[in-house]
N, C-alpha and C. Protein backbone atom coordinates (compact mmCIF):
# COMPACT_ATOMS: atom_id res chain seq x y z
N MET A 1 48.48 36.80 101.07
CA MET A 1 49.89 36.51 101.04
C MET A 1 50.64 37.78 100.69
N MET A 2 51.56 38.14 101.53
CA MET A 2 52.38 39.32 101.26
C MET A 2 53.41 38.98 100.19
N ILE A 3 53.56 39.87 99.24
CA ILE A 3 54.51 39.64 98.16
C ILE A 3 55.89 40.12 98.60
N ARG A 4 56.82 39.18 98.66
CA ARG A 4 58.21 39.53 98.90
C ARG A 4 58.85 39.72 97.54
N ASP A 5 59.83 40.60 97.47
CA ASP A 5 60.35 40.97 96.15
C ASP A 5 60.97 39.78 95.43
N ASN A 6 62.23 39.69 95.27
CA ASN A 6 62.94 38.72 94.42
C ASN A 6 62.26 38.52 93.06
N GLY A 7 61.89 39.63 92.45
CA GLY A 7 61.33 39.63 91.10
C GLY A 7 59.82 39.68 91.03
N ARG A 8 59.15 39.33 92.10
CA ARG A 8 57.68 39.27 92.07
C ARG A 8 57.03 40.63 91.88
N LEU A 9 57.61 41.66 92.46
CA LEU A 9 57.03 43.00 92.27
C LEU A 9 57.12 43.42 90.80
N GLU A 10 58.23 43.07 90.17
CA GLU A 10 58.36 43.38 88.75
C GLU A 10 57.37 42.57 87.93
N VAL A 11 57.16 41.31 88.28
CA VAL A 11 56.16 40.50 87.59
C VAL A 11 54.80 41.16 87.70
N LEU A 12 54.42 41.59 88.91
CA LEU A 12 53.13 42.24 89.10
C LEU A 12 53.02 43.53 88.29
N THR A 13 54.08 44.31 88.28
CA THR A 13 54.07 45.58 87.55
C THR A 13 53.88 45.34 86.06
N ILE A 14 54.63 44.40 85.50
CA ILE A 14 54.51 44.13 84.07
C ILE A 14 53.16 43.50 83.77
N LEU A 15 52.65 42.66 84.65
CA LEU A 15 51.33 42.07 84.48
C LEU A 15 50.26 43.16 84.41
N MET A 16 50.35 44.13 85.30
CA MET A 16 49.41 45.26 85.28
C MET A 16 49.51 46.04 83.98
N GLU A 17 50.74 46.29 83.55
CA GLU A 17 50.94 47.03 82.31
C GLU A 17 50.34 46.29 81.13
N GLU A 18 50.51 44.98 81.08
CA GLU A 18 49.96 44.20 79.97
C GLU A 18 48.44 44.17 80.01
N CYS A 19 47.86 44.12 81.21
CA CYS A 19 46.40 44.21 81.33
C CYS A 19 45.90 45.54 80.74
N ALA A 20 46.61 46.60 81.06
CA ALA A 20 46.23 47.93 80.54
C ALA A 20 46.35 47.98 79.02
N GLU A 21 47.37 47.33 78.47
CA GLU A 21 47.53 47.30 77.02
C GLU A 21 46.38 46.55 76.35
N VAL A 22 45.92 45.47 76.97
CA VAL A 22 44.77 44.73 76.42
C VAL A 22 43.53 45.61 76.47
N VAL A 23 43.32 46.30 77.57
CA VAL A 23 42.16 47.20 77.69
C VAL A 23 42.22 48.27 76.59
N LYS A 24 43.39 48.85 76.41
CA LYS A 24 43.55 49.90 75.39
C LYS A 24 43.26 49.35 74.00
N GLU A 25 43.75 48.17 73.72
CA GLU A 25 43.54 47.59 72.39
C GLU A 25 42.08 47.23 72.17
N CYS A 26 41.40 46.76 73.21
CA CYS A 26 39.96 46.48 73.10
C CYS A 26 39.20 47.75 72.73
N ALA A 27 39.56 48.86 73.37
CA ALA A 27 38.91 50.14 73.06
C ALA A 27 39.18 50.55 71.61
N LYS A 28 40.39 50.32 71.13
CA LYS A 28 40.71 50.65 69.74
C LYS A 28 39.91 49.80 68.77
N VAL A 29 39.75 48.52 69.09
CA VAL A 29 38.97 47.64 68.22
C VAL A 29 37.52 48.11 68.19
N GLN A 30 36.98 48.52 69.32
CA GLN A 30 35.61 49.04 69.35
C GLN A 30 35.48 50.27 68.47
N ARG A 31 36.47 51.13 68.51
CA ARG A 31 36.40 52.39 67.76
C ARG A 31 36.70 52.22 66.28
N PHE A 32 37.73 51.42 65.97
CA PHE A 32 38.25 51.38 64.61
C PHE A 32 38.15 50.03 63.92
N GLY A 33 37.81 48.97 64.66
CA GLY A 33 37.78 47.63 64.10
C GLY A 33 39.15 46.98 64.16
N LEU A 34 39.18 45.72 63.79
CA LEU A 34 40.45 45.00 63.77
C LEU A 34 41.28 45.45 62.58
N HIS A 35 42.56 45.61 62.80
CA HIS A 35 43.48 46.01 61.72
C HIS A 35 43.59 44.84 60.74
N PRO A 36 43.44 45.09 59.44
CA PRO A 36 43.42 43.98 58.48
C PRO A 36 44.76 43.24 58.35
N ASP A 37 45.87 43.91 58.61
CA ASP A 37 47.18 43.28 58.41
C ASP A 37 47.81 42.77 59.70
N LYS A 38 47.51 43.40 60.81
CA LYS A 38 48.19 43.06 62.06
C LYS A 38 47.17 43.15 63.19
N ASN A 39 46.82 42.01 63.75
CA ASN A 39 45.85 41.99 64.84
C ASN A 39 46.56 42.29 66.16
N MET A 40 46.54 43.56 66.55
CA MET A 40 47.22 43.98 67.77
C MET A 40 46.56 43.36 69.01
N LEU A 41 45.27 43.07 68.94
CA LEU A 41 44.60 42.44 70.07
C LEU A 41 45.25 41.08 70.36
N GLU A 42 45.54 40.32 69.32
CA GLU A 42 46.22 39.03 69.52
C GLU A 42 47.60 39.23 70.14
N LEU A 43 48.32 40.21 69.65
CA LEU A 43 49.66 40.46 70.19
C LEU A 43 49.61 40.85 71.66
N GLU A 44 48.69 41.75 72.01
CA GLU A 44 48.60 42.20 73.40
C GLU A 44 48.13 41.08 74.32
N ILE A 45 47.19 40.26 73.85
CA ILE A 45 46.74 39.13 74.68
C ILE A 45 47.86 38.12 74.82
N GLY A 46 48.66 37.95 73.78
CA GLY A 46 49.84 37.07 73.87
C GLY A 46 50.81 37.56 74.93
N ASP A 47 51.05 38.87 74.96
CA ASP A 47 51.93 39.44 75.99
C ASP A 47 51.36 39.18 77.39
N LEU A 48 50.04 39.36 77.52
CA LEU A 48 49.39 39.14 78.81
C LEU A 48 49.51 37.67 79.23
N MET A 49 49.27 36.77 78.29
CA MET A 49 49.36 35.34 78.61
C MET A 49 50.78 34.96 79.02
N CYS A 50 51.77 35.58 78.40
CA CYS A 50 53.16 35.35 78.79
C CYS A 50 53.36 35.72 80.26
N MET A 51 52.83 36.86 80.66
CA MET A 51 53.00 37.30 82.04
C MET A 51 52.23 36.41 83.02
N VAL A 52 51.09 35.87 82.59
CA VAL A 52 50.35 34.92 83.42
C VAL A 52 51.21 33.68 83.65
N GLU A 53 51.85 33.19 82.59
CA GLU A 53 52.73 32.03 82.72
C GLU A 53 53.91 32.34 83.65
N ILE A 54 54.47 33.52 83.52
CA ILE A 54 55.59 33.90 84.38
C ILE A 54 55.14 34.01 85.83
N ALA A 55 53.94 34.53 86.06
CA ALA A 55 53.41 34.61 87.43
C ALA A 55 53.31 33.22 88.03
N GLU A 56 52.95 32.22 87.22
CA GLU A 56 52.92 30.86 87.73
C GLU A 56 54.34 30.38 88.03
N GLU A 57 55.27 30.66 87.13
CA GLU A 57 56.65 30.24 87.34
C GLU A 57 57.23 30.82 88.63
N TYR A 58 56.78 32.02 88.99
CA TYR A 58 57.24 32.66 90.22
C TYR A 58 56.44 32.21 91.44
N GLY A 59 55.53 31.26 91.26
CA GLY A 59 54.77 30.72 92.38
C GLY A 59 53.68 31.64 92.89
N MET A 60 53.27 32.58 92.06
CA MET A 60 52.28 33.57 92.49
C MET A 60 50.85 33.10 92.22
N ILE A 61 50.68 32.23 91.23
CA ILE A 61 49.37 31.68 90.91
C ILE A 61 49.55 30.21 90.55
N ASP A 62 48.46 29.49 90.57
CA ASP A 62 48.43 28.09 90.15
C ASP A 62 47.51 28.03 88.93
N LEU A 63 48.06 27.69 87.77
CA LEU A 63 47.26 27.71 86.54
C LEU A 63 46.09 26.74 86.58
N GLU A 64 46.19 25.67 87.36
CA GLU A 64 45.05 24.76 87.50
C GLU A 64 43.89 25.49 88.19
N GLN A 65 44.20 26.30 89.20
CA GLN A 65 43.16 27.08 89.87
C GLN A 65 42.60 28.15 88.93
N VAL A 66 43.46 28.71 88.10
CA VAL A 66 43.01 29.70 87.11
C VAL A 66 42.03 29.04 86.14
N LYS A 67 42.33 27.82 85.69
CA LYS A 67 41.44 27.11 84.77
C LYS A 67 40.09 26.83 85.43
N ILE A 68 40.11 26.47 86.70
CA ILE A 68 38.85 26.24 87.44
C ILE A 68 38.05 27.53 87.49
N ALA A 69 38.73 28.65 87.78
CA ALA A 69 38.04 29.94 87.82
C ALA A 69 37.48 30.30 86.44
N ALA A 70 38.22 29.97 85.38
CA ALA A 70 37.76 30.26 84.02
C ALA A 70 36.49 29.47 83.69
N ARG A 71 36.46 28.22 84.10
CA ARG A 71 35.24 27.43 83.87
C ARG A 71 34.06 28.02 84.63
N GLY A 72 34.32 28.50 85.84
CA GLY A 72 33.26 29.15 86.61
C GLY A 72 32.75 30.41 85.93
N LYS A 73 33.66 31.18 85.37
CA LYS A 73 33.26 32.39 84.65
C LYS A 73 32.42 32.04 83.43
N ARG A 74 32.81 30.99 82.71
CA ARG A 74 32.04 30.56 81.54
C ARG A 74 30.60 30.21 81.94
N GLU A 75 30.44 29.55 83.06
CA GLU A 75 29.09 29.20 83.54
C GLU A 75 28.30 30.46 83.88
N LYS A 76 28.94 31.43 84.51
CA LYS A 76 28.26 32.69 84.82
C LYS A 76 27.85 33.41 83.54
N LEU A 77 28.72 33.38 82.53
CA LEU A 77 28.39 34.04 81.27
C LEU A 77 27.20 33.38 80.59
N LYS A 78 27.10 32.06 80.71
CA LYS A 78 25.92 31.36 80.14
C LYS A 78 24.64 31.88 80.77
N GLN A 79 24.71 32.21 82.03
CA GLN A 79 23.53 32.67 82.75
C GLN A 79 23.28 34.16 82.58
N TRP A 80 24.32 34.96 82.59
CA TRP A 80 24.16 36.41 82.70
C TRP A 80 24.53 37.21 81.46
N SER A 81 24.90 36.54 80.37
CA SER A 81 25.21 37.29 79.16
C SER A 81 24.47 36.69 77.97
N THR A 82 24.56 37.34 76.86
CA THR A 82 23.94 36.83 75.64
C THR A 82 24.95 36.09 74.77
N LEU A 83 26.16 35.89 75.28
CA LEU A 83 27.18 35.18 74.52
C LEU A 83 26.81 33.71 74.37
N ASN A 84 27.15 33.14 73.24
CA ASN A 84 26.93 31.72 73.01
C ASN A 84 28.21 30.97 73.36
N VAL A 85 28.38 30.68 74.65
CA VAL A 85 29.63 30.05 75.13
C VAL A 85 29.40 28.65 75.65
């Protein structure tokens, strides 16, 4: 589906930026641990989740399909990772 503007390009841009912020914060947690007073990982994931919700509001994704994909990922993790999920 080709993205026509009317705000969708900005949604995608901010969504990408928030993904990058989550990646950056994950790297910081690996290096330095979680901050005892302010969990920046929670804040960055909250920002990302906000943009996911906005992407749905703009008709770019269907959160029900996202939930189905998430369940599929959980099943793959049971098979291919050591996580207890």
